[in-house]
Amino acid sequence: MKELDPDDPRRTPIHLRRELLAQGLNDRAISRMLRRKEIARVRRGAFAAHDAWATLDSVGRHGLLVRAAIKQARTQVVASHGSALPEWNAPTWGFDLTLAHLTRTDGKSGRKEAGVNQHSGALLPGDYLVRNGILVTSPTRTALDVTTVAPTESALAAVCYFLHHGLTTKELLGERYRADGGGAGMANWPYSLSTDLVLRLADARVESVLEARGLYFCFQQSLPAPELQLEIHDNGRVVARLDFAWPDYGIWAEFDGNIKYTDFRRPGESVAEFVLREKRRQDRVSELTGWRCIRITWADLAQPELLAARIRRMLANSARVS
């Protein structure tokens, strides 16, 4: 996976207070630079160019926070847990981006201070590497780490991302999870109770955070397990891939999130044209299969009991018809 460009604002140099003082500045001069918006405060005692800071969203600013915390650390540390996700372009939905997660390479007890959480979990060879100019945990290690600091649903979305993009595999995750020797295995680490569940649910066919949430929703609501990315053919040609499908019931689900209206539009295609094309696609699937479609949005998943009741009614009606 491609790294950040050298001129990406997330790679803006971090200037520590002690470095600015060594250059002949004093605290009054630093305050004046802040007021003039020449620099921005990334965290206590760490600054970056204001122009770069102003262009960044919350994920980008988290990247600078992590770089500042690494530079201020008194021992070698690695960006880990949720703080490693942006370095792999992985989704950060549900993660606290006000807190920088770092793991010490010396294995000693970590500490938690304002805006920074240092972890002490054993790092094996291959658990971290240099990426985007800093030490970052590998996709496999990151996928396991996030299950210990985030809600299960958010961790599942991140793990599915790594699997979908081929950055790790179920086999590698299982091997690292059960690693032997020196406390390296993660099965008995603190806050790892949900790790096994995430590893069982995670699927490389999941293509978005919304689909990962849908997968977790089906588990939570005890709905039948759906088939993922089911291909629909017409005379040997694939005409559609269905996000979720229950073929035995003649039901399929499509997830409607913002990513669908940005990443899957054709060059020059308007939103209205895309929606019409999606409607024609849905009609074609129904024509070929005779199945019914339910469209699921972020708002639907905010009311899981109501959504589950809708799906159960559809499944029950389909069973009666068949």
C-alpha atoms as a PDB file:
ATOM      1  CA  MET A   1       0.000   0.000   0.000  1.00  0.00           C
ATOM      2  CA  LYS A   2       1.342   3.397  -1.029  1.00  0.00           C
ATOM      3  CA  GLU A   3       2.798   5.619   1.685  1.00  0.00           C
ATOM      4  CA  LEU A   4       2.027   9.299   2.184  1.00  0.00           C
ATOM      5  CA  ASP A   5       3.611  11.714  -0.255  1.00  0.00           C
ATOM      6  CA  PRO A   6       6.607  13.565   1.235  1.00  0.00           C
ATOM      7  CA  ASP A   7       4.724  16.878   1.034  1.00  0.00           C
ATOM      8  CA  ASP A   8       1.535  15.541   2.634  1.00  0.00           C
ATOM      9  CA  PRO A   9       0.589  17.879   5.516  1.00  0.00           C
ATOM     10  CA  ARG A  10       0.440  14.858   7.834  1.00  0.00           C
ATOM     11  CA  ARG A  11       4.224  14.665   7.478  1.00  0.00           C
ATOM     12  CA  THR A  12       4.706  18.286   8.515  1.00  0.00           C
ATOM     13  CA  PRO A  13       7.718  18.587  10.861  1.00  0.00           C
ATOM     14  CA  ILE A  14       6.981  18.786  14.574  1.00  0.00           C
ATOM     15  CA  HIS A  15       8.823  21.505  16.520  1.00  0.00           C
ATOM     16  CA  LEU A  16       9.208  20.977  20.252  1.00  0.00           C
ATOM     17  CA  ARG A  17       9.298  23.882  22.670  1.00  0.00           C
ATOM     18  CA  ARG A  18      12.808  23.001  23.759  1.00  0.00           C
ATOM     19  CA  GLU A  19      13.956  23.148  20.120  1.00  0.00           C
ATOM     20  CA  LEU A  20      12.399  26.578  19.620  1.00  0.00           C
ATOM     21  CA  LEU A  21      14.025  27.830  22.819  1.00  0.00           C
ATOM     22  CA  ALA A  22      17.368  26.478  21.604  1.00  0.00           C
ATOM     23  CA  GLN A  23      16.922  28.538  18.437  1.00  0.00           C
ATOM     24  CA  GLY A  24      16.780  31.715  20.546  1.00  0.00           C
ATOM     25  CA  LEU A  25      13.025  32.086  20.904  1.00  0.00           C
ATOM     26  CA  ASN A  26      11.274  32.482  24.253  1.00  0.00           C
ATOM     27  CA  ASP A  27       7.760  31.656  25.430  1.00  0.00           C
ATOM     28  CA  ARG A  28       6.548  35.165  24.589  1.00  0.00           C
ATOM     29  CA  ALA A  29       7.778  34.782  21.011  1.00  0.00           C
ATOM     30  CA  ILE A  30       6.130  31.355  20.748  1.00  0.00           C
ATOM     31  CA  SER A  31       2.837  32.811  21.986  1.00  0.00           C
ATOM     32  CA  ARG A  32       3.152  35.594  19.404  1.00  0.00           C
ATOM     33  CA  MET A  33       3.668  33.005  16.630  1.00  0.00           C
ATOM     34  CA  LEU A  34       0.546  31.181  17.810  1.00  0.00           C
ATOM     35  CA  ARG A  35      -1.519  34.394  17.756  1.00  0.00           C
ATOM     36  CA  ARG A  36      -0.269  35.247  14.281  1.00  0.00           C
ATOM     37  CA  LYS A  37      -1.156  31.724  13.149  1.00  0.00           C
ATOM     38  CA  GLU A  38       2.385  30.988  12.072  1.00  0.00           C
ATOM     39  CA  ILE A  39       2.335  27.803  14.136  1.00  0.00           C
ATOM     40  CA  ALA A  40      -0.361  25.667  15.758  1.00  0.00           C
ATOM     41  CA  ARG A  41      -0.181  23.762  19.037  1.00  0.00           C
ATOM     42  CA  VAL A  42      -0.392  20.022  18.362  1.00  0.00           C
ATOM     43  CA  ARG A  43      -0.114  19.125  22.039  1.00  0.00           C
ATOM     44  CA  ARG A  44       1.582  20.590  25.089  1.00  0.00           C
ATOM     45  CA  GLY A  45       5.130  21.549  24.119  1.00  0.00           C
ATOM     46  CA  ALA A  46       4.784  20.538  20.458  1.00  0.00           C
ATOM     47  CA  PHE A  47       3.940  22.701  17.457  1.00  0.00           C
ATOM     48  CA  ALA A  48       3.555  22.482  13.672  1.00  0.00           C
ATOM     49  CA  ALA A  49       3.103  24.919  10.811  1.00  0.00           C
ATOM     50  CA  HIS A  50      -0.377  26.463  11.096  1.00  0.00           C
ATOM     51  CA  ASP A  51      -1.085  26.303   7.350  1.00  0.00           C
ATOM     52  CA  ALA A  52      -0.560  22.545   7.340  1.00  0.00           C
ATOM     53  CA  TRP A  53      -2.562  22.037  10.544  1.00  0.00           C
ATOM     54  CA  ALA A  54      -5.486  24.043   9.156  1.00  0.00           C
ATOM     55  CA  THR A  55      -5.802  21.784   6.091  1.00  0.00           C
ATOM     56  CA  LEU A  56      -6.079  18.560   8.108  1.00  0.00           C
ATOM     57  CA  ASP A  57      -9.230  16.804   9.259  1.00  0.00           C
ATOM     58  CA  SER A  58      -9.491  15.010  12.608  1.00  0.00           C
ATOM     59  CA  VAL A  59      -7.698  11.932  11.257  1.00  0.00           C
ATOM     60  CA  GLY A  60      -4.840  13.989   9.847  1.00  0.00           C
ATOM     61  CA  ARG A  61      -4.480  15.974  13.044  1.00  0.00           C
ATOM     62  CA  HIS A  62      -4.350  12.725  14.955  1.00  0.00           C
ATOM     63  CA  GLY A  63      -1.388  11.755  12.785  1.00  0.00           C
ATOM     64  CA  LEU A  64       0.454  14.898  13.870  1.00  0.00           C
ATOM     65  CA  LEU A  65      -0.514  14.273  17.499  1.00  0.00           C
ATOM     66  CA  VAL A  66       1.048  10.823  17.244  1.00  0.00           C
ATOM     67  CA  ARG A  67       4.225  12.204  15.673  1.00  0.00           C
ATOM     68  CA  ALA A  68       4.503  14.795  18.427  1.00  0.00           C
ATOM     69  CA  ALA A  69       4.030  12.157  21.138  1.00  0.00           C
ATOM     70  CA  ILE A  70       6.661   9.930  19.518  1.00  0.00           C
ATOM     71  CA  LYS A  71       9.143  12.797  19.368  1.00  0.00           C
ATOM     72  CA  GLN A  72       8.506  13.692  23.010  1.00  0.00           C
ATOM     73  CA  ALA A  73       8.751  10.098  24.281  1.00  0.00           C
ATOM     74  CA  ARG A  74      11.787   9.312  26.421  1.00  0.00           C
ATOM     75  CA  THR A  75      12.134   5.825  24.990  1.00  0.00           C
ATOM     76  CA  GLN A  76      11.578   4.225  21.605  1.00  0.00           C
ATOM     77  CA  VAL A  77       7.897   3.833  20.879  1.00  0.00           C
ATOM     78  CA  VAL A  78       5.762   2.638  18.001  1.00  0.00           C
ATOM     79  CA  ALA A  79       2.449   4.068  16.770  1.00  0.00           C
ATOM     80  CA  SER A  80      -0.017   1.316  17.603  1.00  0.00           C
ATOM     81  CA  HIS A  81      -3.662   0.420  18.247  1.00  0.00           C
ATOM     82  CA  GLY A  82      -6.014   3.066  16.860  1.00  0.00           C
ATOM     83  CA  SER A  83      -3.104   5.407  16.149  1.00  0.00           C
ATOM     84  CA  ALA A  84      -1.688   2.979  13.579  1.00  0.00           C
ATOM     85  CA  LEU A  85      -4.932   2.910  11.577  1.00  0.00           C
ATOM     86  CA  PRO A  86      -4.463   6.230   9.722  1.00  0.00           C
ATOM     87  CA  GLU A  87      -0.969   5.175   8.675  1.00  0.00           C
ATOM     88  CA  TRP A  88      -2.573   2.225   6.827  1.00  0.00           C
ATOM     89  CA  ASN A  89      -5.508   4.324   5.563  1.00  0.00           C
ATOM     90  CA  ALA A  90      -7.763   2.109   7.657  1.00  0.00           C
ATOM     91  CA  PRO A  91     -11.140   3.330   8.973  1.00  0.00           C
ATOM     92  CA  THR A  92     -11.146   5.081  12.340  1.00  0.00           C
ATOM     93  CA  TRP A  93     -14.906   5.085  12.883  1.00  0.00           C
ATOM     94  CA  GLY A  94     -15.655   4.715  16.587  1.00  0.00           C
ATOM     95  CA  PHE A  95     -12.058   5.356  17.708  1.00  0.00           C
ATOM     96  CA  ASP A  96     -11.024   8.135  20.086  1.00  0.00           C
ATOM     97  CA  LEU A  97      -8.759  10.364  17.985  1.00  0.00           C
ATOM     98  CA  THR A  98      -7.948  12.645  20.909  1.00  0.00           C
ATOM     99  CA  LEU A  99      -5.709   9.937  22.386  1.00  0.00           C
ATOM    100  CA  ALA A 100      -2.403   8.827  20.866  1.00  0.00           C
ATOM    101  CA  HIS A 101      -1.634   5.126  21.335  1.00  0.00           C
ATOM    102  CA  LEU A 102       2.033   4.117  21.444  1.00  0.00           C
ATOM    103  CA  THR A 103       3.721   0.821  22.331  1.00  0.00           C
ATOM    104  CA  ARG A 104       7.150   0.749  23.964  1.00  0.00           C
ATOM    105  CA  THR A 105       9.758  -1.419  22.274  1.00  0.00           C
ATOM    106  CA  ASP A 106      11.555  -2.149  25.556  1.00  0.00           C
ATOM    107  CA  GLY A 107       8.604  -4.127  26.969  1.00  0.00           C
ATOM    108  CA  LYS A 108       8.515  -2.048  30.155  1.00  0.00           C
ATOM    109  CA  SER A 109       5.331  -0.810  31.741  1.00  0.00           C
ATOM    110  CA  GLY A 110       3.725   1.997  29.831  1.00  0.00           C
ATOM    111  CA  ARG A 111       2.104   5.088  31.236  1.00  0.00           C
ATOM    112  CA  LYS A 112      -0.895   7.233  30.457  1.00  0.00           C
ATOM    113  CA  GLU A 113      -0.720  10.988  30.434  1.00  0.00           C
ATOM    114  CA  ALA A 114      -2.729  13.791  28.862  1.00  0.00           C
ATOM    115  CA  GLY A 115      -3.515  12.722  25.309  1.00  0.00           C
ATOM    116  CA  VAL A 116      -1.087   9.768  25.231  1.00  0.00           C
ATOM    117  CA  ASN A 117      -1.412   6.121  26.225  1.00  0.00           C
ATOM    118  CA  GLN A 118       1.828   4.121  26.245  1.00  0.00           C
ATOM    119  CA  HIS A 119       1.321   0.353  26.042  1.00  0.00           C
ATOM    120  CA  SER A 120       3.828  -2.318  27.086  1.00  0.00           C
ATOM    121  CA  GLY A 121       2.676  -5.352  25.082  1.00  0.00           C
ATOM    122  CA  ALA A 122       5.499  -7.576  23.829  1.00  0.00           C
ATOM    123  CA  LEU A 123       6.556  -6.763  20.270  1.00  0.00           C
ATOM    124  CA  LEU A 124       7.874  -9.641  18.164  1.00  0.00           C
ATOM    125  CA  PRO A 125      10.065  -9.333  15.057  1.00  0.00           C
ATOM    126  CA  GLY A 126       7.737  -8.284  12.265  1.00  0.00           C
ATOM    127  CA  ASP A 127       5.259  -6.597  14.613  1.00  0.00           C
ATOM    128  CA  TYR A 128       6.344  -3.131  13.498  1.00  0.00           C
ATOM    129  CA  LEU A 129       8.092  -1.327  10.677  1.00  0.00           C
ATOM    130  CA  VAL A 130       8.898   2.148   9.393  1.00  0.00           C
ATOM    131  CA  ARG A 131       5.972   3.677   7.510  1.00  0.00           C
ATOM    132  CA  ASN A 132       5.324   7.310   6.595  1.00  0.00           C
ATOM    133  CA  GLY A 133       8.508   8.248   8.418  1.00  0.00           C
ATOM    134  CA  ILE A 134       7.623   6.721  11.807  1.00  0.00           C
ATOM    135  CA  LEU A 135       7.574   3.314  13.461  1.00  0.00           C
ATOM    136  CA  VAL A 136       4.132   1.744  13.066  1.00  0.00           C
ATOM    137  CA  THR A 137       2.717  -1.633  14.061  1.00  0.00           C
ATOM    138  CA  SER A 138       2.154  -4.075  11.192  1.00  0.00           C
ATOM    139  CA  PRO A 139      -1.360  -4.673   9.823  1.00  0.00           C
ATOM    140  CA  THR A 140      -1.582  -8.006  11.658  1.00  0.00           C
ATOM    141  CA  ARG A 141      -0.483  -6.563  14.994  1.00  0.00           C
ATOM    142  CA  THR A 142      -2.642  -3.445  14.533  1.00  0.00           C
ATOM    143  CA  ALA A 143      -5.711  -5.539  13.727  1.00  0.00           C
ATOM    144  CA  LEU A 144      -5.290  -7.454  16.984  1.00  0.00           C
ATOM    145  CA  ASP A 145      -4.402  -4.403  19.072  1.00  0.00           C
ATOM    146  CA  VAL A 146      -7.506  -2.437  18.110  1.00  0.00           C
ATOM    147  CA  THR A 147      -9.768  -5.145  19.534  1.00  0.00           C
ATOM    148  CA  THR A 148      -8.462  -4.217  22.998  1.00  0.00           C
ATOM    149  CA  VAL A 149      -9.175  -0.468  22.892  1.00  0.00           C
ATOM    150  CA  ALA A 150     -12.297   0.007  20.765  1.00  0.00           C
ATOM    151  CA  PRO A 151     -15.930  -1.110  20.731  1.00  0.00           C
ATOM    152  CA  THR A 152     -16.317  -4.507  19.070  1.00  0.00           C
ATOM    153  CA  GLU A 153     -18.185  -3.007  16.127  1.00  0.00           C
ATOM    154  CA  SER A 154     -15.427  -0.471  15.394  1.00  0.00           C
ATOM    155  CA  ALA A 155     -12.671  -3.053  15.790  1.00  0.00           C
ATOM    156  CA  LEU A 156     -14.493  -5.394  13.410  1.00  0.00           C
ATOM    157  CA  ALA A 157     -14.612  -2.687  10.731  1.00  0.00           C
ATOM    158  CA  ALA A 158     -10.857  -2.134  11.029  1.00  0.00           C
ATOM    159  CA  VAL A 159      -9.996  -5.852  10.951  1.00  0.00           C
ATOM    160  CA  CYS A 160     -12.239  -6.410   7.917  1.00  0.00           C
ATOM    161  CA  TYR A 161     -10.421  -3.546   6.172  1.00  0.00           C
ATOM    162  CA  PHE A 162      -7.030  -5.203   6.665  1.00  0.00           C
ATOM    163  CA  LEU A 163      -8.389  -8.532   5.442  1.00  0.00           C
ATOM    164  CA  HIS A 164     -10.189  -7.037   2.436  1.00  0.00           C
ATOM    165  CA  HIS A 165      -7.061  -5.202   1.256  1.00  0.00           C
ATOM    166  CA  GLY A 166      -4.871  -8.281   1.639  1.00  0.00           C
ATOM    167  CA  LEU A 167      -2.723  -6.699   4.356  1.00  0.00           C
ATOM    168  CA  THR A 168      -3.186  -9.711   6.625  1.00  0.00           C
ATOM    169  CA  THR A 169      -5.063 -13.027   6.692  1.00  0.00           C
ATOM    170  CA  LYS A 170      -7.149 -14.965   9.162  1.00  0.00           C
ATOM    171  CA  GLU A 171      -4.285 -17.443   9.478  1.00  0.00           C
ATOM    172  CA  LEU A 172      -1.741 -14.742  10.331  1.00  0.00           C
ATOM    173  CA  LEU A 173      -4.085 -13.162  12.849  1.00  0.00           C
ATOM    174  CA  GLY A 174      -4.678 -16.504  14.533  1.00  0.00           C
ATOM    175  CA  GLU A 175      -0.977 -17.344  14.656  1.00  0.00           C
ATOM    176  CA  ARG A 176      -0.044 -13.974  16.163  1.00  0.00           C
ATOM    177  CA  TYR A 177      -2.943 -14.132  18.606  1.00  0.00           C
ATOM    178  CA  ARG A 178      -1.758 -17.498  19.930  1.00  0.00           C
ATOM    179  CA  ALA A 179       2.016 -16.837  19.690  1.00  0.00           C
ATOM    180  CA  ASP A 180       4.106 -18.726  22.234  1.00  0.00           C
ATOM    181  CA  GLY A 181       6.871 -17.571  24.537  1.00  0.00           C
ATOM    182  CA  GLY A 182       7.643 -14.575  26.699  1.00  0.00           C
ATOM    183  CA  GLY A 183       4.086 -13.368  27.064  1.00  0.00           C
ATOM    184  CA  ALA A 184       3.908 -12.692  23.337  1.00  0.00           C
ATOM    185  CA  GLY A 185       0.568 -14.429  22.861  1.00  0.00           C
ATOM    186  CA  MET A 186      -2.322 -11.988  23.043  1.00  0.00           C
ATOM    187  CA  ALA A 187      -5.129 -14.337  24.089  1.00  0.00           C
ATOM    188  CA  ASN A 188      -4.682 -13.498  27.776  1.00  0.00           C
ATOM    189  CA  TRP A 189      -3.797  -9.837  27.448  1.00  0.00           C
ATOM    190  CA  PRO A 190      -5.903  -7.254  29.287  1.00  0.00           C
ATOM    191  CA  TYR A 191      -9.070  -6.107  27.480  1.00  0.00           C
ATOM    192  CA  SER A 192      -8.824  -8.896  24.893  1.00  0.00           C
ATOM    193  CA  LEU A 193     -12.151 -10.562  25.733  1.00  0.00           C
ATOM    194  CA  SER A 194     -13.733  -9.394  22.465  1.00  0.00           C
ATOM    195  CA  THR A 195     -10.737 -10.301  20.292  1.00  0.00           C
ATOM    196  CA  ASP A 196     -11.865 -13.878  19.679  1.00  0.00           C
ATOM    197  CA  LEU A 197     -15.344 -12.708  18.647  1.00  0.00           C
ATOM    198  CA  VAL A 198     -13.928 -10.155  16.210  1.00  0.00           C
ATOM    199  CA  LEU A 199     -11.640 -12.754  14.651  1.00  0.00           C
ATOM    200  CA  ARG A 200     -14.565 -15.148  14.199  1.00  0.00           C
ATOM    201  CA  LEU A 201     -16.800 -12.515  12.613  1.00  0.00           C
ATOM    202  CA  ALA A 202     -14.202 -10.744  10.453  1.00  0.00           C
ATOM    203  CA  ASP A 203     -14.507 -11.415   6.730  1.00  0.00           C
ATOM    204  CA  ALA A 204     -12.330 -10.273   3.827  1.00  0.00           C
ATOM    205  CA  ARG A 205     -15.425  -9.825   1.651  1.00  0.00           C
ATOM    206  CA  VAL A 206     -16.645  -6.908   3.756  1.00  0.00           C
ATOM    207  CA  GLU A 207     -15.975  -3.759   1.731  1.00  0.00           C
ATOM    208  CA  SER A 208     -16.949  -0.885   4.028  1.00  0.00           C
ATOM    209  CA  VAL A 209     -17.529   0.184   7.611  1.00  0.00           C
ATOM    210  CA  LEU A 210     -21.275   0.087   6.983  1.00  0.00           C
ATOM    211  CA  GLU A 211     -21.095  -3.538   5.827  1.00  0.00           C
ATOM    212  CA  ALA A 212     -18.980  -4.436   8.864  1.00  0.00           C
ATOM    213  CA  ARG A 213     -21.613  -2.841  11.070  1.00  0.00           C
ATOM    214  CA  GLY A 214     -24.243  -4.867   9.226  1.00  0.00           C
ATOM    215  CA  LEU A 215     -22.324  -8.068   9.898  1.00  0.00           C
ATOM    216  CA  TYR A 216     -22.107  -7.280  13.599  1.00  0.00           C
ATOM    217  CA  PHE A 217     -25.787  -6.287  13.612  1.00  0.00           C
ATOM    218  CA  CYS A 218     -26.805  -9.701  12.237  1.00  0.00           C
ATOM    219  CA  PHE A 219     -24.758 -11.400  14.953  1.00  0.00           C
ATOM    220  CA  GLN A 220     -26.144  -9.223  17.739  1.00  0.00           C
ATOM    221  CA  GLN A 221     -29.736  -9.638  16.612  1.00  0.00           C
ATOM    222  CA  SER A 222     -29.391 -13.412  16.043  1.00  0.00           C
ATOM    223  CA  LEU A 223     -30.414 -13.106  12.391  1.00  0.00           C
ATOM    224  CA  PRO A 224     -29.479 -15.841   9.904  1.00  0.00           C
ATOM    225  CA  ALA A 225     -25.917 -15.396   8.659  1.00  0.00           C
ATOM    226  CA  PRO A 226     -26.014 -13.713   5.232  1.00  0.00           C
ATOM    227  CA  GLU A 227     -23.979 -14.644   2.188  1.00  0.00           C
ATOM    228  CA  LEU A 228     -21.585 -11.818   1.363  1.00  0.00           C
ATOM    229  CA  GLN A 229     -20.912 -10.336  -2.077  1.00  0.00           C
ATOM    230  CA  LEU A 230     -23.097 -12.907  -3.807  1.00  0.00           C
ATOM    231  CA  GLU A 231     -22.733 -12.731  -7.591  1.00  0.00           C
ATOM    232  CA  ILE A 232     -25.834 -12.602  -9.797  1.00  0.00           C
ATOM    233  CA  HIS A 233     -25.358 -13.854 -13.358  1.00  0.00           C
ATOM    234  CA  ASP A 234     -27.222 -13.316 -16.610  1.00  0.00           C
ATOM    235  CA  ASN A 235     -26.200 -15.711 -19.385  1.00  0.00           C
ATOM    236  CA  GLY A 236     -22.864 -16.306 -17.699  1.00  0.00           C
ATOM    237  CA  ARG A 237     -22.158 -12.600 -17.156  1.00  0.00           C
ATOM    238  CA  VAL A 238     -21.956 -11.090 -13.682  1.00  0.00           C
ATOM    239  CA  VAL A 239     -24.523  -8.287 -13.543  1.00  0.00           C
ATOM    240  CA  ALA A 240     -24.385  -7.562  -9.795  1.00  0.00           C
ATOM    241  CA  ARG A 241     -22.700  -8.416  -6.526  1.00  0.00           C
ATOM    242  CA  LEU A 242     -25.061  -8.246  -3.564  1.00  0.00           C
ATOM    243  CA  ASP A 243     -23.707  -6.893  -0.279  1.00  0.00           C
ATOM    244  CA  PHE A 244     -25.713  -9.355   1.849  1.00  0.00           C
ATOM    245  CA  ALA A 245     -28.113 -12.051   0.677  1.00  0.00           C
ATOM    246  CA  TRP A 246     -30.340 -14.725   2.174  1.00  0.00           C
ATOM    247  CA  PRO A 247     -30.965 -16.877  -0.944  1.00  0.00           C
ATOM    248  CA  ASP A 248     -33.090 -19.423   0.914  1.00  0.00           C
ATOM    249  CA  TYR A 249     -35.507 -16.631   1.795  1.00  0.00           C
ATOM    250  CA  GLY A 250     -35.289 -14.666  -1.456  1.00  0.00           C
ATOM    251  CA  ILE A 251     -34.038 -11.530   0.325  1.00  0.00           C
ATOM    252  CA  TRP A 252     -30.983  -9.375  -0.188  1.00  0.00           C
ATOM    253  CA  ALA A 253     -29.673  -6.230   1.507  1.00  0.00           C
ATOM    254  CA  GLU A 254     -27.833  -3.260   0.058  1.00  0.00           C
ATOM    255  CA  PHE A 255     -25.984  -0.763   2.256  1.00  0.00           C
ATOM    256  CA  ASP A 256     -26.387   2.906   1.421  1.00  0.00           C
ATOM    257  CA  GLY A 257     -23.560   5.024   2.822  1.00  0.00           C
ATOM    258  CA  ASN A 258     -21.766   8.142   1.610  1.00  0.00           C
ATOM    259  CA  ILE A 259     -18.912   6.044   0.228  1.00  0.00           C
ATOM    260  CA  LYS A 260     -21.247   4.497  -2.324  1.00  0.00           C
ATOM    261  CA  TYR A 261     -22.120   7.922  -3.726  1.00  0.00           C
ATOM    262  CA  THR A 262     -18.483   9.033  -3.931  1.00  0.00           C
ATOM    263  CA  ASP A 263     -16.253   6.038  -4.598  1.00  0.00           C
ATOM    264  CA  PHE A 264     -18.551   4.119  -6.950  1.00  0.00           C
ATOM    265  CA  ARG A 265     -19.722   6.869  -9.257  1.00  0.00           C
ATOM    266  CA  ARG A 266     -18.346   6.763 -12.770  1.00  0.00           C
ATOM    267  CA  PRO A 267     -16.227   9.684 -14.069  1.00  0.00           C
ATOM    268  CA  GLY A 268     -18.528  12.581 -14.850  1.00  0.00           C
ATOM    269  CA  GLU A 269     -21.575  10.820 -13.416  1.00  0.00           C
ATOM    270  CA  SER A 270     -23.881  12.938 -11.245  1.00  0.00           C
ATOM    271  CA  VAL A 271     -25.438  11.672  -8.029  1.00  0.00           C
ATOM    272  CA  ALA A 272     -28.849  11.598  -9.733  1.00  0.00           C
ATOM    273  CA  GLU A 273     -27.458   9.526 -12.617  1.00  0.00           C
ATOM    274  CA  PHE A 274     -25.784   7.163 -10.162  1.00  0.00           C
ATOM    275  CA  VAL A 275     -29.025   6.702  -8.203  1.00  0.00           C
ATOM    276  CA  LEU A 276     -30.904   5.898 -11.414  1.00  0.00           C
ATOM    277  CA  ARG A 277     -28.234   3.387 -12.405  1.00  0.00           C
ATOM    278  CA  GLU A 278     -28.491   1.751  -8.980  1.00  0.00           C
ATOM    279  CA  LYS A 279     -32.279   1.585  -9.367  1.00  0.00           C
ATOM    280  CA  ARG A 280     -31.931  -0.141 -12.743  1.00  0.00           C
ATOM    281  CA  ARG A 281     -29.443  -2.551 -11.201  1.00  0.00           C
ATOM    282  CA  GLN A 282     -31.845  -3.376  -8.352  1.00  0.00           C
ATOM    283  CA  ASP A 283     -34.712  -3.911 -10.805  1.00  0.00           C
ATOM    284  CA  ARG A 284     -32.515  -6.213 -12.898  1.00  0.00           C
ATOM    285  CA  VAL A 285     -31.565  -8.321  -9.860  1.00  0.00           C
ATOM    286  CA  SER A 286     -35.220  -8.627  -8.865  1.00  0.00           C
ATOM    287  CA  GLU A 287     -36.124  -9.590 -12.434  1.00  0.00           C
ATOM    288  CA  LEU A 288     -33.468 -12.306 -12.567  1.00  0.00           C
ATOM    289  CA  THR A 289     -33.989 -13.717  -9.078  1.00  0.00           C
ATOM    290  CA  GLY A 290     -37.462 -12.751  -7.955  1.00  0.00           C
ATOM    291  CA  TRP A 291     -35.913 -11.649  -4.650  1.00  0.00           C
ATOM    292  CA  ARG A 292     -36.851  -8.613  -2.545  1.00  0.00           C
ATOM    293  CA  CYS A 293     -34.355  -5.934  -1.528  1.00  0.00           C
ATOM    294  CA  ILE A 294     -33.989  -4.078   1.747  1.00  0.00           C
ATOM    295  CA  ARG A 295     -31.754  -1.018   1.759  1.00  0.00           C
ATOM    296  CA  ILE A 296     -29.892  -0.302   4.986  1.00  0.00           C
ATOM    297  CA  THR A 297     -28.464   3.074   6.045  1.00  0.00           C
ATOM    298  CA  TRP A 298     -26.464   4.442   8.974  1.00  0.00           C
ATOM    299  CA  ALA A 299     -29.738   5.738  10.434  1.00  0.00           C
ATOM    300  CA  ASP A 300     -31.243   2.238  10.273  1.00  0.00           C
ATOM    301  CA  LEU A 301     -28.357   0.767  12.260  1.00  0.00           C
ATOM    302  CA  ALA A 302     -28.868   3.437  14.915  1.00  0.00           C
ATOM    303  CA  GLN A 303     -32.174   1.655  15.689  1.00  0.00           C
ATOM    304  CA  PRO A 304     -31.113  -2.002  15.493  1.00  0.00           C
ATOM    305  CA  GLU A 305     -34.236  -3.463  17.113  1.00  0.00           C
ATOM    306  CA  LEU A 306     -36.525  -1.781  14.575  1.00  0.00           C
ATOM    307  CA  LEU A 307     -34.308  -2.847  11.674  1.00  0.00           C
ATOM    308  CA  ALA A 308     -34.136  -6.425  12.962  1.00  0.00           C
ATOM    309  CA  ALA A 309     -37.932  -6.538  13.218  1.00  0.00           C
ATOM    310  CA  ARG A 310     -38.232  -5.382   9.580  1.00  0.00           C
ATOM    311  CA  ILE A 311     -35.828  -8.041   8.377  1.00  0.00           C
ATOM    312  CA  ARG A 312     -37.493 -10.778  10.425  1.00  0.00           C
ATOM    313  CA  ARG A 313     -40.863  -9.855   8.928  1.00  0.00           C
ATOM    314  CA  MET A 314     -39.404 -10.075   5.428  1.00  0.00           C
ATOM    315  CA  LEU A 315     -37.768 -13.407   6.160  1.00  0.00           C
ATOM    316  CA  ALA A 316     -40.949 -14.769   7.716  1.00  0.00           C
ATOM    317  CA  ASN A 317     -43.111 -13.598   4.807  1.00  0.00           C
ATOM    318  CA  SER A 318     -40.704 -15.120   2.291  1.00  0.00           C
ATOM    319  CA  ALA A 319     -40.740 -18.425   4.184  1.00  0.00           C
ATOM    320  CA  ARG A 320     -44.535 -18.493   4.142  1.00  0.00           C
ATOM    321  CA  VAL A 321     -44.665 -17.723   0.410  1.00  0.00           C
ATOM    322  CA  SER A 322     -42.185 -20.474  -0.423  1.00  0.00           C
END
